[in-house]
Amino acid sequence: MARAPVMAAGGIVLRRAATPLIAVVRQRKRNEWVLPKGKLDDGETPKEAAHREVLEETGHDVAIHEFLGTLVYQSGGRSKVVHFWRMEADGGPVRKLMNDIKAVDWLTLDDAIARLSREYERAFLTQIGPI
């Protein structure tokens, strides 16, 4: 019998500027640049998890806007299902980054796509970025 997929959520986090900037985070363990996201805690909705994970990984409290879609991929021999929302950060960080995250960069859409380490995240951001 197939194992249940890992459920996760995250955000495409924008900062308003003449050219909007998108947050990408650098993981400490794998030294990869990824979109901010993480697994759901028990009893947490995907939207609640997305908000919590973005706060932990970027340090920014965000306003959550529309649902952007779902990314499904294989991780550790299991399917991982990640729901994403468009989010907006206003002002500076309100907390320190969680220990798993080494850095946050705010990049233009094209630069964010180029920086991401994982092809499936680059493809996802390419598709939803112009929205």
N, C-alpha and C. Protein backbone atom coordinates (compact mmCIF):
# COMPACT_ATOMS: atom_id res chain seq x y z
N MET A 1 0.84 -1.18 0.00
CA MET A 1 0.00 0.00 0.00
C MET A 1 0.89 1.24 0.00
N ALA A 2 0.50 2.23 -0.79
CA ALA A 2 1.28 3.46 -0.89
C ALA A 2 1.20 4.26 0.41
N ARG A 3 2.31 4.89 0.75
CA ARG A 3 2.33 5.73 1.94
C ARG A 3 1.62 7.05 1.64
N ALA A 4 1.00 7.60 2.67
CA ALA A 4 0.28 8.87 2.50
C ALA A 4 1.28 9.97 2.13
N PRO A 5 0.85 10.90 1.28
CA PRO A 5 1.76 11.99 0.92
C PRO A 5 2.04 12.90 2.11
N VAL A 6 3.18 13.56 2.07
CA VAL A 6 3.53 14.57 3.06
C VAL A 6 2.81 15.85 2.63
N MET A 7 2.06 16.44 3.54
CA MET A 7 1.32 17.66 3.24
C MET A 7 2.12 18.86 3.74
N ALA A 8 2.26 19.87 2.87
CA ALA A 8 3.03 21.06 3.21
C ALA A 8 2.37 22.28 2.59
N ALA A 9 2.85 23.46 2.98
CA ALA A 9 2.30 24.70 2.44
C ALA A 9 3.36 25.79 2.52
N GLY A 10 3.19 26.80 1.66
CA GLY A 10 4.14 27.89 1.65
C GLY A 10 3.60 29.09 0.90
N GLY A 11 4.51 30.00 0.61
CA GLY A 11 4.08 31.23 -0.03
C GLY A 11 5.03 31.71 -1.10
N ILE A 12 4.45 32.37 -2.08
CA ILE A 12 5.20 33.20 -3.01
C ILE A 12 5.09 34.59 -2.38
N VAL A 13 6.16 35.00 -1.72
CA VAL A 13 6.13 36.19 -0.88
C VAL A 13 6.69 37.38 -1.66
N LEU A 14 5.85 38.40 -1.82
CA LEU A 14 6.22 39.59 -2.59
C LEU A 14 6.47 40.77 -1.67
N ARG A 15 7.39 41.60 -2.10
CA ARG A 15 7.62 42.90 -1.46
C ARG A 15 7.41 43.93 -2.58
N ARG A 16 6.50 44.88 -2.30
CA ARG A 16 6.21 45.89 -3.33
C ARG A 16 7.42 46.80 -3.55
N ALA A 17 7.70 47.05 -4.81
CA ALA A 17 8.75 47.98 -5.23
C ALA A 17 8.42 48.35 -6.67
N ALA A 18 9.22 49.21 -7.28
CA ALA A 18 9.00 49.55 -8.68
C ALA A 18 8.91 48.26 -9.50
N THR A 19 9.80 47.33 -9.21
CA THR A 19 9.70 45.96 -9.72
C THR A 19 9.52 45.09 -8.49
N PRO A 20 8.38 44.36 -8.39
CA PRO A 20 8.14 43.54 -7.20
C PRO A 20 9.28 42.54 -6.97
N LEU A 21 9.57 42.27 -5.70
CA LEU A 21 10.63 41.34 -5.32
C LEU A 21 10.02 40.12 -4.65
N ILE A 22 10.63 38.97 -4.87
CA ILE A 22 10.13 37.69 -4.37
C ILE A 22 11.17 37.11 -3.40
N ALA A 23 10.68 36.57 -2.28
CA ALA A 23 11.57 35.97 -1.28
C ALA A 23 11.95 34.55 -1.67
N VAL A 24 13.25 34.27 -1.62
CA VAL A 24 13.76 32.90 -1.72
C VAL A 24 14.65 32.69 -0.50
N VAL A 25 14.66 31.47 0.02
CA VAL A 25 15.41 31.19 1.25
C VAL A 25 16.46 30.12 0.99
N ARG A 26 17.58 30.26 1.72
CA ARG A 26 18.68 29.31 1.58
C ARG A 26 18.68 28.36 2.77
N GLN A 27 18.51 27.09 2.47
CA GLN A 27 18.49 26.08 3.53
C GLN A 27 19.90 25.83 4.05
N ARG A 28 20.02 25.69 5.34
CA ARG A 28 21.32 25.45 5.95
C ARG A 28 21.82 24.03 5.65
N LYS A 29 20.95 23.05 5.77
CA LYS A 29 21.33 21.64 5.66
C LYS A 29 21.83 21.29 4.25
N ARG A 30 21.08 21.65 3.23
CA ARG A 30 21.44 21.27 1.86
C ARG A 30 22.09 22.41 1.09
N ASN A 31 22.11 23.61 1.67
CA ASN A 31 22.68 24.79 1.03
C ASN A 31 21.99 25.08 -0.31
N GLU A 32 20.68 24.81 -0.37
CA GLU A 32 19.89 25.05 -1.58
C GLU A 32 19.01 26.28 -1.39
N TRP A 33 18.73 26.96 -2.50
CA TRP A 33 17.78 28.07 -2.52
C TRP A 33 16.42 27.52 -2.90
N VAL A 34 15.41 27.80 -2.07
CA VAL A 34 14.06 27.25 -2.27
C VAL A 34 13.02 28.32 -1.96
N LEU A 35 11.77 28.01 -2.32
CA LEU A 35 10.64 28.84 -1.92
C LEU A 35 10.32 28.54 -0.45
N PRO A 36 9.88 29.53 0.32
CA PRO A 36 9.56 29.27 1.73
C PRO A 36 8.33 28.38 1.87
N LYS A 37 8.50 27.27 2.57
CA LYS A 37 7.42 26.29 2.73
C LYS A 37 7.80 25.31 3.82
N GLY A 38 6.81 24.52 4.27
CA GLY A 38 7.10 23.49 5.25
C GLY A 38 5.89 22.62 5.52
N LYS A 39 6.12 21.58 6.29
CA LYS A 39 5.07 20.60 6.60
C LYS A 39 4.02 21.17 7.54
N LEU A 40 2.80 20.66 7.38
CA LEU A 40 1.70 21.02 8.27
C LEU A 40 1.93 20.40 9.64
N ASP A 41 1.63 21.15 10.69
CA ASP A 41 1.59 20.61 12.04
C ASP A 41 0.23 19.95 12.26
N ASP A 42 0.13 19.06 13.23
CA ASP A 42 -1.14 18.40 13.53
C ASP A 42 -2.22 19.44 13.80
N GLY A 43 -3.39 19.27 13.15
CA GLY A 43 -4.53 20.15 13.37
C GLY A 43 -4.45 21.48 12.62
N GLU A 44 -3.41 21.69 11.85
CA GLU A 44 -3.21 22.95 11.16
C GLU A 44 -3.76 22.86 9.74
N THR A 45 -4.42 23.92 9.28
CA THR A 45 -4.87 23.95 7.89
C THR A 45 -3.68 24.31 7.00
N PRO A 46 -3.75 24.00 5.70
CA PRO A 46 -2.66 24.41 4.82
C PRO A 46 -2.41 25.92 4.84
N LYS A 47 -3.45 26.72 4.89
CA LYS A 47 -3.27 28.18 4.91
C LYS A 47 -2.58 28.64 6.19
N GLU A 48 -2.96 28.05 7.32
CA GLU A 48 -2.31 28.38 8.61
C GLU A 48 -0.83 27.97 8.57
N ALA A 49 -0.56 26.79 8.02
CA ALA A 49 0.82 26.30 7.94
C ALA A 49 1.64 27.21 7.02
N ALA A 50 1.06 27.64 5.92
CA ALA A 50 1.77 28.52 4.99
C ALA A 50 2.18 29.81 5.69
N HIS A 51 1.27 30.39 6.45
CA HIS A 51 1.57 31.63 7.17
C HIS A 51 2.69 31.41 8.20
N ARG A 52 2.58 30.34 8.98
CA ARG A 52 3.58 30.03 10.00
C ARG A 52 4.95 29.78 9.37
N GLU A 53 4.98 28.95 8.35
CA GLU A 53 6.25 28.60 7.71
C GLU A 53 6.93 29.82 7.10
N VAL A 54 6.17 30.68 6.44
CA VAL A 54 6.76 31.88 5.84
C VAL A 54 7.32 32.79 6.93
N LEU A 55 6.61 32.95 8.03
CA LEU A 55 7.11 33.74 9.15
C LEU A 55 8.42 33.16 9.69
N GLU A 56 8.45 31.84 9.88
CA GLU A 56 9.65 31.19 10.42
C GLU A 56 10.84 31.27 9.47
N GLU A 57 10.57 31.12 8.16
CA GLU A 57 11.67 31.02 7.19
C GLU A 57 12.13 32.35 6.63
N THR A 58 11.26 33.37 6.64
CA THR A 58 11.66 34.68 6.11
C THR A 58 11.82 35.73 7.21
N GLY A 59 11.21 35.47 8.38
CA GLY A 59 11.22 36.45 9.47
C GLY A 59 10.16 37.53 9.31
N HIS A 60 9.39 37.48 8.23
CA HIS A 60 8.40 38.51 7.94
C HIS A 60 6.98 38.03 8.22
N ASP A 61 6.20 38.88 8.88
CA ASP A 61 4.77 38.63 8.99
C ASP A 61 4.19 39.08 7.66
N VAL A 62 3.24 38.34 7.14
CA VAL A 62 2.74 38.62 5.79
C VAL A 62 1.22 38.69 5.75
N ALA A 63 0.72 39.37 4.76
CA ALA A 63 -0.71 39.32 4.43
C ALA A 63 -0.87 38.21 3.40
N ILE A 64 -1.85 37.35 3.61
CA ILE A 64 -2.10 36.24 2.69
C ILE A 64 -3.19 36.65 1.71
N HIS A 65 -2.92 36.41 0.43
CA HIS A 65 -3.89 36.73 -0.62
C HIS A 65 -4.37 35.44 -1.27
N GLU A 66 -4.51 35.42 -2.57
CA GLU A 66 -5.16 34.29 -3.23
C GLU A 66 -4.28 33.04 -3.28
N PHE A 67 -4.98 31.90 -3.37
CA PHE A 67 -4.34 30.61 -3.53
C PHE A 67 -3.77 30.55 -4.95
N LEU A 68 -2.52 30.09 -5.08
CA LEU A 68 -1.85 30.08 -6.38
C LEU A 68 -1.76 28.71 -7.03
N GLY A 69 -1.85 27.67 -6.23
CA GLY A 69 -1.75 26.34 -6.83
C GLY A 69 -1.01 25.37 -5.93
N THR A 70 -0.85 24.16 -6.44
CA THR A 70 -0.26 23.07 -5.70
C THR A 70 0.89 22.48 -6.50
N LEU A 71 1.97 22.21 -5.81
CA LEU A 71 3.15 21.59 -6.40
C LEU A 71 3.28 20.21 -5.77
N VAL A 72 3.43 19.17 -6.61
CA VAL A 72 3.56 17.80 -6.11
C VAL A 72 4.87 17.23 -6.66
N TYR A 73 5.67 16.66 -5.77
CA TYR A 73 6.95 16.08 -6.19
C TYR A 73 7.34 14.98 -5.23
N GLN A 74 8.38 14.22 -5.60
CA GLN A 74 8.87 13.14 -4.76
C GLN A 74 9.98 13.65 -3.85
N SER A 75 9.90 13.29 -2.57
CA SER A 75 10.91 13.69 -1.59
C SER A 75 11.09 12.55 -0.60
N GLY A 76 12.28 11.99 -0.56
CA GLY A 76 12.55 10.89 0.38
C GLY A 76 11.70 9.67 0.12
N GLY A 77 11.38 9.39 -1.13
CA GLY A 77 10.59 8.22 -1.48
C GLY A 77 9.10 8.38 -1.28
N ARG A 78 8.66 9.59 -0.93
CA ARG A 78 7.22 9.85 -0.74
C ARG A 78 6.81 11.04 -1.58
N SER A 79 5.53 11.09 -1.89
CA SER A 79 5.00 12.26 -2.56
C SER A 79 4.88 13.40 -1.55
N LYS A 80 5.22 14.60 -1.98
CA LYS A 80 5.05 15.78 -1.15
C LYS A 80 4.11 16.71 -1.90
N VAL A 81 3.07 17.16 -1.22
CA VAL A 81 2.05 18.03 -1.78
C VAL A 81 2.16 19.38 -1.08
N VAL A 82 2.50 20.44 -1.84
CA VAL A 82 2.70 21.76 -1.26
C VAL A 82 1.71 22.75 -1.86
N HIS A 83 0.86 23.33 -1.01
CA HIS A 83 -0.10 24.36 -1.43
C HIS A 83 0.55 25.73 -1.24
N PHE A 84 0.42 26.59 -2.26
CA PHE A 84 1.03 27.92 -2.20
C PHE A 84 0.00 29.03 -2.30
N TRP A 85 0.23 30.10 -1.53
CA TRP A 85 -0.57 31.32 -1.60
C TRP A 85 0.32 32.49 -1.98
N ARG A 86 -0.26 33.48 -2.61
CA ARG A 86 0.45 34.74 -2.82
C ARG A 86 0.40 35.49 -1.50
N MET A 87 1.55 36.00 -1.08
CA MET A 87 1.65 36.71 0.19
C MET A 87 2.40 38.01 -0.04
N GLU A 88 2.16 38.96 0.87
CA GLU A 88 2.84 40.23 0.76
C GLU A 88 3.49 40.60 2.08
N ALA A 89 4.76 40.93 2.01
CA ALA A 89 5.51 41.38 3.19
C ALA A 89 5.58 42.90 3.15
N ASP A 90 5.34 43.50 4.29
CA ASP A 90 5.39 44.96 4.40
C ASP A 90 6.36 45.31 5.51
N GLY A 91 7.34 46.13 5.24
CA GLY A 91 8.30 46.50 6.27
C GLY A 91 9.38 45.47 6.44
N GLY A 92 10.06 45.53 7.57
CA GLY A 92 11.19 44.65 7.83
C GLY A 92 10.79 43.38 8.57
N PRO A 93 11.78 42.53 8.86
CA PRO A 93 11.49 41.29 9.58
C PRO A 93 11.02 41.58 11.00
N VAL A 94 10.17 40.69 11.51
CA VAL A 94 9.64 40.82 12.87
C VAL A 94 10.20 39.76 13.81
N ARG A 95 10.98 38.84 13.26
CA ARG A 95 11.60 37.80 14.09
C ARG A 95 12.84 37.26 13.39
N LYS A 96 13.66 36.55 14.17
CA LYS A 96 14.86 35.91 13.62
C LYS A 96 14.44 34.71 12.78
N LEU A 97 15.29 34.35 11.82
CA LEU A 97 15.04 33.18 11.00
C LEU A 97 15.18 31.91 11.83
N MET A 98 14.42 30.89 11.46
CA MET A 98 14.57 29.61 12.13
C MET A 98 15.96 29.06 11.82
N ASN A 99 16.46 28.15 12.63
CA ASN A 99 17.82 27.62 12.48
C ASN A 99 18.06 26.91 11.16
N ASP A 100 17.01 26.36 10.54
CA ASP A 100 17.15 25.63 9.27
C ASP A 100 17.47 26.55 8.10
N ILE A 101 17.27 27.84 8.27
CA ILE A 101 17.43 28.79 7.16
C ILE A 101 18.67 29.66 7.38
N LYS A 102 19.52 29.70 6.36
CA LYS A 102 20.78 30.45 6.43
C LYS A 102 20.61 31.90 5.98
N ALA A 103 19.73 32.14 4.97
CA ALA A 103 19.59 33.49 4.42
C ALA A 103 18.26 33.62 3.68
N VAL A 104 17.85 34.88 3.52
CA VAL A 104 16.69 35.23 2.69
C VAL A 104 17.17 36.28 1.70
N ASP A 105 16.82 36.10 0.44
CA ASP A 105 17.10 37.11 -0.58
C ASP A 105 15.79 37.54 -1.22
N TRP A 106 15.72 38.82 -1.56
CA TRP A 106 14.55 39.40 -2.24
C TRP A 106 14.99 39.72 -3.65
N LEU A 107 14.40 39.02 -4.63
CA LEU A 107 14.86 39.09 -6.01
C LEU A 107 13.71 39.38 -6.97
N THR A 108 14.06 39.91 -8.14
CA THR A 108 13.05 40.06 -9.19
C THR A 108 12.59 38.66 -9.61
N LEU A 109 11.49 38.59 -10.32
CA LEU A 109 10.95 37.29 -10.75
C LEU A 109 12.01 36.50 -11.52
N ASP A 110 12.63 37.11 -12.52
CA ASP A 110 13.62 36.38 -13.32
C ASP A 110 14.80 35.93 -12.48
N ASP A 111 15.28 36.79 -11.58
CA ASP A 111 16.41 36.42 -10.73
C ASP A 111 16.03 35.33 -9.73
N ALA A 112 14.79 35.38 -9.22
CA ALA A 112 14.33 34.35 -8.28
C ALA A 112 14.26 33.00 -8.99
N ILE A 113 13.73 32.99 -10.20
CA ILE A 113 13.65 31.74 -10.97
C ILE A 113 15.06 31.18 -11.20
N ALA A 114 15.99 32.06 -11.57
CA ALA A 114 17.37 31.62 -11.83
C ALA A 114 18.06 31.12 -10.56
N ARG A 115 17.74 31.68 -9.40
CA ARG A 115 18.40 31.33 -8.14
C ARG A 115 17.92 30.01 -7.57
N LEU A 116 16.64 29.67 -7.77
CA LEU A 116 16.10 28.45 -7.16
C LEU A 116 16.89 27.22 -7.58
N SER A 117 17.16 26.35 -6.62
CA SER A 117 17.97 25.16 -6.86
C SER A 117 17.21 24.01 -7.49
N ARG A 118 15.91 23.97 -7.30
CA ARG A 118 15.11 22.82 -7.74
C ARG A 118 14.32 23.15 -9.00
N GLU A 119 14.46 22.31 -10.01
CA GLU A 119 13.81 22.55 -11.30
C GLU A 119 12.30 22.68 -11.16
N TYR A 120 11.67 21.83 -10.33
CA TYR A 120 10.21 21.89 -10.22
C TYR A 120 9.75 23.20 -9.58
N GLU A 121 10.54 23.80 -8.69
CA GLU A 121 10.18 25.11 -8.14
C GLU A 121 10.38 26.21 -9.18
N ARG A 122 11.45 26.09 -10.00
CA ARG A 122 11.65 27.07 -11.09
C ARG A 122 10.48 27.02 -12.05
N ALA A 123 10.05 25.81 -12.44
CA ALA A 123 8.92 25.67 -13.37
C ALA A 123 7.64 26.24 -12.76
N PHE A 124 7.39 25.95 -11.49
CA PHE A 124 6.19 26.46 -10.82
C PHE A 124 6.19 27.98 -10.78
N LEU A 125 7.29 28.59 -10.38
CA LEU A 125 7.37 30.05 -10.29
C LEU A 125 7.29 30.68 -11.67
N THR A 126 7.84 30.03 -12.69
CA THR A 126 7.72 30.52 -14.06
C THR A 126 6.26 30.59 -14.48
N GLN A 127 5.48 29.59 -14.07
CA GLN A 127 4.06 29.53 -14.47
C GLN A 127 3.20 30.53 -13.69
N ILE A 128 3.43 30.67 -12.40
CA ILE A 128 2.55 31.53 -11.59
C ILE A 128 3.10 32.92 -11.37
N GLY A 129 4.39 33.12 -11.62
CA GLY A 129 5.02 34.41 -11.36
C GLY A 129 4.34 35.60 -12.03
N PRO A 130 3.99 35.48 -13.33
CA PRO A 130 3.35 36.64 -14.00
C PRO A 130 1.98 36.99 -13.44
N ILE A 131 1.35 36.08 -12.69
CA ILE A 131 0.04 36.38 -12.10
C ILE A 131 0.21 37.50 -11.11
